Amino acid sequence: MTTSFSEEINYCRHVFNEKILKLLEETGVDSLSIILNGKYLLYHSKMVYVKYVRNNELGKNELVYFVKRVEKPREDRVSVVGYTLAEEIMSKELYGINLGIPFGWNDCKITIDQDMSLLIVETGIYSLTRELACLENFSTLDKISVSLVDTTNNKPFELENDEKLKTLIRSFRERAYKNFSSVVFCRLSNKFISRFYYGQNSFYKILYSFIPVFIYYPHLYNPIFDNPDTSIKHLQLYKLAVEKNRVSGKPDGLHAYMLTHEEICRACGMTHFMRFTPSFFYELLVGLLNPSLDTFPSVNNKIFVKPDVVDSSLGNKLPRCYSRINYIFELQKCNENKDDPVSQRKFDILRQYIEKDSLYYCCERNLKNLFNYGPNVIDPPKITVDTVYAYLQEMRLL
């Protein structure tokens, strides 16, 4: 008797929930936010949490997924998240690519970080892709033997290193820059960056004269450290960080090197002093390491930015900016549907977008935040976007 896909999903949800419930009961943690495949799990743009509660009627504990509310009640249960997780766990695809491996429940990796109050879930396909993305000689291999076992013949899977697999790894590595940023610098939760400034690390908070420059967390794929194509050990900035050895955090967990704003400027060959925020510096570092990534700041990357004033209410629902490729794609899509009034309104709004280079746009977005880090008495009399933009064009990874 064969089972339907919905039955498989229900069974997976049951097994997953029971597994998580047992782990939560053993650790006794209050509630955990969830990282799924390298990104925070969100529900209608709100962070999803999980905890266990006592069901007095059934006389046992049960697992609850919820989002937090400002008003009472303080929590909204979102039971649909259990099905979402089960569907992801059972998925054989990542970024639309199927490697032909029948991933199952047992291939899913679950980690609970009590210190960070995190439930970290990696599906089978994601975990395997992360493993391959760390291989130094990946591009030179014809076949790759992976750690998964084919249950039909009880032998390890051997993958052809074809264009499909190379596309998957390339996409994974490129997306990892944004994924890492979306977790570590998440605006909904400051649990990562705050760890570098509180407790035994409170010295670094004095006037925010230090910022974390190389951040590492073992439960996340870090494209700066884990991508063998990105070599940073020869950089003057990295050598200085190692030399100063100001490590904030736990060596076996979340930790980072801390440098002053002046040390960063000097190590990057800048003749002018300026300040950074942790997220601003990360964007700049990635942009310098990978100038071809159009989602990070570079004078060579052009983006299209929505104007401050948009006449149509539809404009409030559109993204703040598009890369050049995505902008052209959206224009073409609207033009193909020009008989549709909504598409026509969107087309009219898109034509109002302003072309800028991504470095200038990054300066605009971060200008006000820069005044929260470091002593402002050493700033020039007036700091403008153009000032910061001019300073950053001197920045080099030496």
Protein backbone atom coordinates (compact mmCIF):
# COMPACT_ATOMS: atom_id res chain seq x y z
CA MET A 1 0.00 0.00 0.00
CA THR A 2 1.50 3.31 -1.08
CA THR A 3 1.21 6.47 0.97
CA SER A 4 0.28 9.85 -0.47
CA PHE A 5 2.58 12.86 -0.30
CA SER A 6 0.27 14.54 2.23
CA GLU A 7 0.49 11.48 4.46
CA GLU A 8 4.28 11.58 4.23
CA ILE A 9 4.23 15.26 5.18
CA ASN A 10 1.97 14.57 8.17
CA TYR A 11 4.22 11.75 9.34
CA CYS A 12 7.33 13.91 8.91
CA ARG A 13 5.67 16.74 10.87
CA HIS A 14 4.80 14.33 13.67
CA VAL A 15 8.31 12.86 13.86
CA PHE A 16 9.97 16.28 13.66
CA ASN A 17 7.74 17.77 16.36
CA GLU A 18 8.31 14.82 18.69
CA LYS A 19 12.07 15.10 18.17
CA ILE A 20 12.10 18.84 18.90
CA LEU A 21 9.77 18.43 21.86
CA LYS A 22 12.10 15.86 23.40
CA LEU A 23 15.13 18.12 22.89
CA LEU A 24 13.34 21.10 24.44
CA GLU A 25 12.23 19.06 27.44
CA GLU A 26 15.79 17.83 27.96
CA THR A 27 17.36 21.28 27.72
CA GLY A 28 14.55 23.11 29.52
CA VAL A 29 14.86 26.25 27.38
CA ASP A 30 12.01 28.76 27.37
CA SER A 31 11.62 29.46 23.66
CA LEU A 32 13.80 29.38 20.57
CA SER A 33 13.83 31.31 17.32
CA ILE A 34 14.31 29.12 14.27
CA ILE A 35 16.99 29.16 11.58
CA LEU A 36 16.01 27.05 8.58
CA ASN A 37 18.60 26.43 5.87
CA GLY A 38 20.76 29.38 6.87
CA LYS A 39 17.97 31.97 7.31
CA TYR A 40 15.57 32.96 10.08
CA LEU A 41 12.16 31.37 9.64
CA LEU A 42 9.59 34.15 9.25
CA TYR A 43 5.80 34.19 9.12
CA HIS A 44 4.28 37.30 7.52
CA SER A 45 7.60 39.10 8.12
CA LYS A 46 7.59 38.15 11.83
CA MET A 47 10.12 35.89 13.48
CA VAL A 48 8.86 32.42 14.35
CA TYR A 49 9.55 30.91 17.78
CA VAL A 50 9.03 27.44 19.17
CA LYS A 51 8.44 26.26 22.74
CA TYR A 52 6.65 23.52 24.62
CA VAL A 53 3.63 24.02 26.86
CA ARG A 54 1.78 21.71 29.22
CA ASN A 55 -1.54 20.42 27.89
CA ASN A 56 -3.43 19.67 31.11
CA GLU A 57 -6.31 17.99 29.30
CA LEU A 58 -4.02 15.45 27.62
CA GLY A 59 -1.62 15.35 30.54
CA LYS A 60 1.47 15.88 28.41
CA ASN A 61 3.59 18.57 26.82
CA GLU A 62 2.96 19.80 23.29
CA LEU A 63 5.01 21.81 20.81
CA VAL A 64 3.86 25.32 19.91
CA TYR A 65 5.05 27.57 17.08
CA PHE A 66 4.24 31.26 17.55
CA VAL A 67 5.04 34.85 16.60
CA LYS A 68 5.25 37.67 19.11
CA ARG A 69 2.77 40.54 19.28
CA VAL A 70 3.05 44.00 20.76
CA GLU A 71 -0.55 44.01 21.97
CA LYS A 72 -2.27 41.36 24.08
CA PRO A 73 -2.27 38.46 23.74
CA ARG A 74 1.49 38.62 23.37
CA GLU A 75 1.66 35.54 21.17
CA ASP A 76 -0.08 34.23 18.08
CA ARG A 77 0.10 30.51 17.45
CA VAL A 78 0.99 29.54 13.87
CA SER A 79 0.43 25.81 13.55
CA VAL A 80 0.95 25.99 9.78
CA VAL A 81 4.69 26.38 10.44
CA GLY A 82 4.88 22.68 11.38
CA TYR A 83 3.67 21.75 7.88
CA THR A 84 6.05 24.28 6.27
CA LEU A 85 9.00 22.73 8.06
CA ALA A 86 7.89 19.21 7.11
CA GLU A 87 7.58 20.18 3.44
CA GLU A 88 11.08 21.67 3.49
CA ILE A 89 12.53 18.62 5.23
CA MET A 90 11.00 16.28 2.65
CA SER A 91 12.03 18.45 -0.30
CA LYS A 92 14.54 17.02 -2.77
CA GLU A 93 15.25 20.43 -4.32
CA LEU A 94 17.27 23.48 -3.41
CA TYR A 95 16.99 26.69 -5.46
CA GLY A 96 14.96 24.70 -7.99
CA ILE A 97 17.70 22.10 -8.56
CA ASN A 98 17.15 18.39 -7.90
CA LEU A 99 20.22 16.17 -7.57
CA GLY A 100 18.19 12.97 -7.83
CA ILE A 101 18.82 11.96 -4.22
CA PRO A 102 15.73 10.82 -2.25
CA PHE A 103 16.31 12.87 0.88
CA GLY A 104 14.32 11.81 3.93
CA TRP A 105 13.72 12.73 7.51
CA ASN A 106 16.94 11.13 8.78
CA ASP A 107 19.04 13.37 6.51
CA CYS A 108 17.80 16.49 8.31
CA LYS A 109 20.24 18.02 10.83
CA ILE A 110 18.87 19.59 14.02
CA THR A 111 20.92 21.64 16.46
CA ILE A 112 19.82 23.50 19.57
CA ASP A 113 22.09 26.33 20.69
CA GLN A 114 20.96 27.10 24.24
CA ASP A 115 23.37 30.00 24.59
CA MET A 116 21.91 31.76 21.56
CA SER A 117 18.33 30.46 22.06
CA LEU A 118 18.25 29.02 18.54
CA LEU A 119 16.80 25.96 16.87
CA ILE A 120 18.92 25.39 13.76
CA VAL A 121 17.50 23.10 11.06
CA GLU A 122 19.29 22.01 7.89
CA THR A 123 17.38 19.87 5.40
CA GLY A 124 19.11 16.98 3.66
CA ILE A 125 19.67 18.77 0.37
CA TYR A 126 20.87 21.95 2.11
CA SER A 127 23.24 20.08 4.42
CA LEU A 128 24.76 18.19 1.50
CA THR A 129 25.15 21.36 -0.58
CA ARG A 130 26.82 23.13 2.35
CA GLU A 131 29.23 20.21 2.66
CA LEU A 132 30.15 20.39 -1.03
CA ALA A 133 30.45 24.19 -0.98
CA CYS A 134 33.31 23.84 1.52
CA LEU A 135 35.39 21.56 -0.72
CA GLU A 136 38.61 23.21 -1.89
CA ASN A 137 39.01 21.10 -5.01
CA PHE A 138 35.32 20.94 -5.94
CA SER A 139 35.66 22.36 -9.47
CA THR A 140 38.42 19.89 -10.43
CA LEU A 141 36.57 16.72 -9.39
CA ASP A 142 34.76 14.60 -11.98
CA LYS A 143 32.79 12.61 -9.41
CA ILE A 144 32.07 13.31 -5.76
CA SER A 145 31.31 10.68 -3.15
CA VAL A 146 29.03 12.17 -0.49
CA SER A 147 28.32 11.14 3.08
CA LEU A 148 24.73 10.02 2.32
CA VAL A 149 23.95 6.33 1.81
CA ASP A 150 21.72 4.95 -0.94
CA THR A 151 19.33 2.65 0.91
CA THR A 152 18.62 0.57 -2.22
CA ASN A 153 22.16 -0.83 -2.40
CA ASN A 154 23.53 0.37 0.97
CA LYS A 155 26.38 2.24 -0.73
CA PRO A 156 27.40 5.92 -0.58
CA PHE A 157 25.96 8.19 -3.27
CA GLU A 158 28.37 9.24 -6.00
CA LEU A 159 27.49 12.42 -7.86
CA GLU A 160 28.57 13.48 -11.33
CA ASN A 161 30.15 16.92 -11.09
CA ASP A 162 28.04 18.15 -13.99
CA GLU A 163 26.79 21.64 -14.82
CA LYS A 164 23.67 21.17 -12.68
CA LEU A 165 25.74 20.48 -9.55
CA LYS A 166 28.15 23.32 -10.33
CA THR A 167 25.19 25.71 -10.75
CA LEU A 168 23.81 24.63 -7.37
CA ILE A 169 27.12 25.21 -5.57
CA ARG A 170 27.65 28.54 -7.32
CA SER A 171 24.14 29.68 -6.37
CA PHE A 172 24.60 28.46 -2.78
CA ARG A 173 27.85 30.37 -2.34
CA GLU A 174 26.44 33.57 -3.82
CA ARG A 175 23.25 33.45 -1.74
CA ALA A 176 25.24 32.68 1.41
CA TYR A 177 26.52 36.27 1.62
CA LYS A 178 23.00 37.63 1.97
CA ASN A 179 21.80 34.74 4.11
CA PHE A 180 24.63 35.18 6.60
CA SER A 181 23.97 38.91 6.74
CA SER A 182 20.22 38.44 7.24
CA VAL A 183 20.84 36.35 10.37
CA VAL A 184 23.84 38.01 12.00
CA PHE A 185 22.64 41.58 11.34
CA CYS A 186 18.91 40.83 11.57
CA ARG A 187 16.84 43.91 12.44
CA LEU A 188 14.21 41.80 14.19
CA SER A 189 16.78 40.36 16.59
CA ASN A 190 20.04 41.84 17.81
CA LYS A 191 21.15 38.67 19.58
CA PHE A 192 24.31 38.20 17.49
CA ILE A 193 25.97 41.62 17.44
CA SER A 194 24.99 42.41 21.04
CA ARG A 195 27.07 39.43 22.23
CA PHE A 196 30.23 41.27 21.22
CA TYR A 197 29.46 44.25 23.47
CA TYR A 198 27.95 42.93 26.70
CA GLY A 199 29.09 40.94 29.73
CA GLN A 200 32.81 40.26 29.74
CA ASN A 201 33.03 42.13 26.43
CA SER A 202 31.49 45.37 27.74
CA PHE A 203 34.83 47.16 27.30
CA TYR A 204 34.22 47.14 23.55
CA LYS A 205 30.97 49.06 24.04
CA ILE A 206 32.71 52.20 25.36
CA LEU A 207 31.78 54.77 22.70
CA TYR A 208 31.52 51.78 20.33
CA SER A 209 35.16 52.39 19.46
CA PHE A 210 35.52 48.75 18.36
CA ILE A 211 33.49 46.79 15.84
CA PRO A 212 33.49 43.09 14.90
CA VAL A 213 35.26 42.68 11.56
CA PHE A 214 35.45 38.91 11.00
CA ILE A 215 32.46 37.14 12.51
CA TYR A 216 32.21 33.37 12.76
CA TYR A 217 29.38 31.13 13.93
CA PRO A 218 29.85 27.37 13.45
CA HIS A 219 26.16 26.68 12.78
CA LEU A 220 26.03 29.01 9.76
CA TYR A 221 27.84 28.73 6.46
CA ASN A 222 30.11 31.77 6.43
CA PRO A 223 31.09 32.56 2.82
CA ILE A 224 34.07 34.64 3.94
CA PHE A 225 35.66 31.73 5.82
CA ASP A 226 34.00 28.61 4.42
CA ASN A 227 34.17 29.38 0.69
CA PRO A 228 37.63 28.18 -0.43
CA ASP A 229 37.49 30.58 -3.39
CA THR A 230 37.48 33.54 -0.97
CA SER A 231 40.95 33.79 0.54
CA ILE A 232 41.27 36.42 3.27
CA LYS A 233 44.37 35.28 5.17
CA HIS A 234 46.68 37.31 2.93
CA LEU A 235 44.75 40.56 3.56
CA GLN A 236 46.39 43.25 5.67
CA LEU A 237 43.09 43.71 7.48
CA TYR A 238 42.92 40.04 8.50
CA LYS A 239 46.60 39.93 9.49
CA LEU A 240 46.05 42.99 11.70
CA ALA A 241 42.98 41.41 13.32
CA VAL A 242 44.95 38.25 14.13
CA GLU A 243 47.91 40.30 15.41
CA LYS A 244 45.73 42.37 17.74
CA ASN A 245 43.93 39.18 18.83
CA ARG A 246 40.97 40.97 20.36
CA VAL A 247 38.56 38.05 20.19
CA SER A 248 35.08 38.68 21.52
CA GLY A 249 32.79 35.73 22.18
CA LYS A 250 33.35 32.02 22.61
CA PRO A 251 36.07 30.33 20.49
CA ASP A 252 33.91 27.23 19.98
CA GLY A 253 30.78 29.28 19.27
CA LEU A 254 29.94 32.79 18.10
CA HIS A 255 33.07 34.95 18.09
CA ALA A 256 34.72 37.79 16.18
CA TYR A 257 37.88 39.84 15.93
CA MET A 258 37.44 43.43 17.15
CA LEU A 259 39.20 46.39 15.53
CA THR A 260 38.91 50.15 15.98
CA HIS A 261 37.60 52.36 13.20
CA GLU A 262 41.06 53.89 12.73
CA GLU A 263 42.70 50.46 12.46
CA ILE A 264 40.23 49.50 9.72
CA CYS A 265 40.88 52.70 7.78
CA ARG A 266 44.66 52.28 7.92
CA ALA A 267 44.58 48.57 7.04
CA CYS A 268 42.41 49.37 4.01
CA GLY A 269 44.74 52.09 2.72
CA MET A 270 42.40 55.01 3.45
CA THR A 271 43.85 58.50 3.92
CA HIS A 272 40.70 59.79 5.63
CA PHE A 273 39.18 58.62 8.90
CA MET A 274 35.56 57.49 9.03
CA ARG A 275 33.38 55.25 11.19
CA PHE A 276 31.59 52.01 10.44
CA THR A 277 28.76 49.94 11.83
CA PRO A 278 29.13 46.13 11.89
CA SER A 279 26.57 45.58 9.11
CA PHE A 280 27.90 48.49 7.02
CA PHE A 281 31.43 47.13 7.23
CA TYR A 282 30.28 43.62 6.28
CA GLU A 283 28.55 44.95 3.15
CA LEU A 284 31.68 46.88 2.18
CA LEU A 285 33.94 43.88 2.81
CA VAL A 286 31.79 41.57 0.67
CA GLY A 287 31.59 44.20 -2.06
CA LEU A 288 35.38 44.47 -2.14
CA LEU A 289 35.89 40.70 -2.07
CA ASN A 290 33.27 40.08 -4.76
CA PRO A 291 32.71 43.21 -6.89
CA SER A 292 30.62 41.17 -9.34
CA LEU A 293 27.88 40.53 -6.75
CA ASP A 294 25.25 43.11 -7.69
CA THR A 295 23.57 42.92 -4.27
CA PHE A 296 26.58 44.44 -2.47
CA PRO A 297 28.10 47.93 -2.71
CA SER A 298 30.46 48.70 -5.55
CA VAL A 299 31.00 51.70 -7.82
CA ASN A 300 30.71 49.31 -10.77
CA ASN A 301 27.29 47.89 -9.84
CA LYS A 302 24.30 49.95 -10.88
CA ILE A 303 20.96 49.60 -9.12
CA PHE A 304 17.58 51.24 -9.56
CA VAL A 305 16.17 52.89 -6.45
CA LYS A 306 12.56 53.82 -5.74
CA PRO A 307 12.06 57.58 -5.31
CA ASP A 308 11.07 58.88 -1.87
CA VAL A 309 7.68 60.06 -3.10
CA VAL A 310 5.51 57.65 -5.06
CA ASP A 311 2.00 58.74 -6.11
CA SER A 312 0.39 55.29 -6.21
CA SER A 313 -0.33 53.14 -3.14
CA LEU A 314 1.02 50.25 -5.21
CA GLY A 315 4.44 51.86 -4.95
CA ASN A 316 4.58 51.17 -1.21
CA LYS A 317 4.45 47.45 -1.95
CA LEU A 318 7.32 47.50 -4.43
CA PRO A 319 10.95 46.77 -3.42
CA ARG A 320 13.15 49.68 -2.43
CA CYS A 321 15.62 48.85 -5.16
CA TYR A 322 16.35 46.42 -7.98
CA SER A 323 19.59 45.20 -9.50
CA ARG A 324 19.96 46.15 -13.16
CA ILE A 325 19.02 42.65 -14.36
CA ASN A 326 15.96 42.38 -12.13
CA TYR A 327 14.87 45.91 -13.01
CA ILE A 328 14.93 45.18 -16.74
CA PHE A 329 13.14 41.88 -16.15
CA GLU A 330 10.34 43.60 -14.18
CA LEU A 331 9.92 46.26 -16.86
CA GLN A 332 9.67 43.64 -19.58
CA LYS A 333 7.19 41.58 -17.57
CA CYS A 334 4.95 44.62 -17.03
CA ASN A 335 5.20 45.59 -20.68
CA GLU A 336 4.12 42.11 -21.75
CA ASN A 337 1.00 42.53 -19.60
CA LYS A 338 0.29 46.14 -20.58
CA ASP A 339 -3.41 45.40 -20.95
CA ASP A 340 -3.56 44.70 -17.22
CA PRO A 341 -4.18 47.99 -15.26
CA VAL A 342 -2.10 46.85 -12.26
CA SER A 343 0.87 45.95 -14.48
CA GLN A 344 0.56 49.30 -16.25
CA ARG A 345 0.58 51.20 -12.92
CA LYS A 346 3.60 49.20 -11.82
CA PHE A 347 5.32 49.97 -15.12
CA ASP A 348 4.71 53.72 -14.63
CA ILE A 349 6.18 53.56 -11.11
CA LEU A 350 9.19 51.53 -12.20
CA ARG A 351 10.05 54.15 -14.81
CA GLN A 352 10.38 56.66 -11.95
CA TYR A 353 13.16 54.60 -10.31
CA ILE A 354 16.52 56.36 -10.19
CA GLU A 355 19.77 54.72 -11.30
CA LYS A 356 22.62 54.89 -8.77
CA ASP A 357 25.77 52.95 -8.13
CA SER A 358 25.32 50.54 -5.26
CA LEU A 359 28.14 52.04 -3.16
CA TYR A 360 26.50 55.47 -3.16
CA TYR A 361 23.16 53.93 -2.23
CA CYS A 362 24.81 52.02 0.61
CA CYS A 363 26.23 55.30 1.94
CA GLU A 364 22.77 56.90 1.83
CA ARG A 365 21.18 54.07 3.81
CA ASN A 366 23.88 53.99 6.50
CA LEU A 367 24.79 57.65 6.99
CA LYS A 368 22.64 58.26 10.10
CA ASN A 369 23.65 54.96 11.71
CA LEU A 370 27.34 55.83 11.49
CA PHE A 371 26.88 58.47 14.19
CA ASN A 372 25.98 55.76 16.73
CA TYR A 373 29.39 54.13 16.52
CA GLY A 374 32.62 55.68 17.75
CA PRO A 375 33.37 59.10 19.31
CA ASN A 376 31.90 61.86 17.15
CA VAL A 377 34.34 64.49 18.45
CA ILE A 378 36.83 63.32 15.83
CA ASP A 379 34.43 63.77 12.94
CA PRO A 380 34.86 66.59 10.42
CA PRO A 381 32.45 69.53 10.95
CA LYS A 382 29.93 68.19 8.45
CA ILE A 383 29.52 64.64 7.21
CA THR A 384 27.45 64.11 4.09
CA VAL A 385 26.70 61.16 1.84
CA ASP A 386 29.14 62.59 -0.71
CA THR A 387 31.84 62.82 1.98
CA VAL A 388 31.47 59.18 3.01
CA TYR A 389 31.21 58.11 -0.63
CA ALA A 390 34.47 59.89 -1.46
CA TYR A 391 36.26 58.36 1.54
CA LEU A 392 35.11 54.82 0.70
CA GLN A 393 36.40 55.04 -2.86
CA GLU A 394 39.87 54.98 -1.29
CA MET A 395 39.13 51.66 0.43
CA ARG A 396 41.22 48.74 -0.78
CA LEU A 397 41.88 45.20 0.43
CA LEU A 398 45.68 45.27 0.52
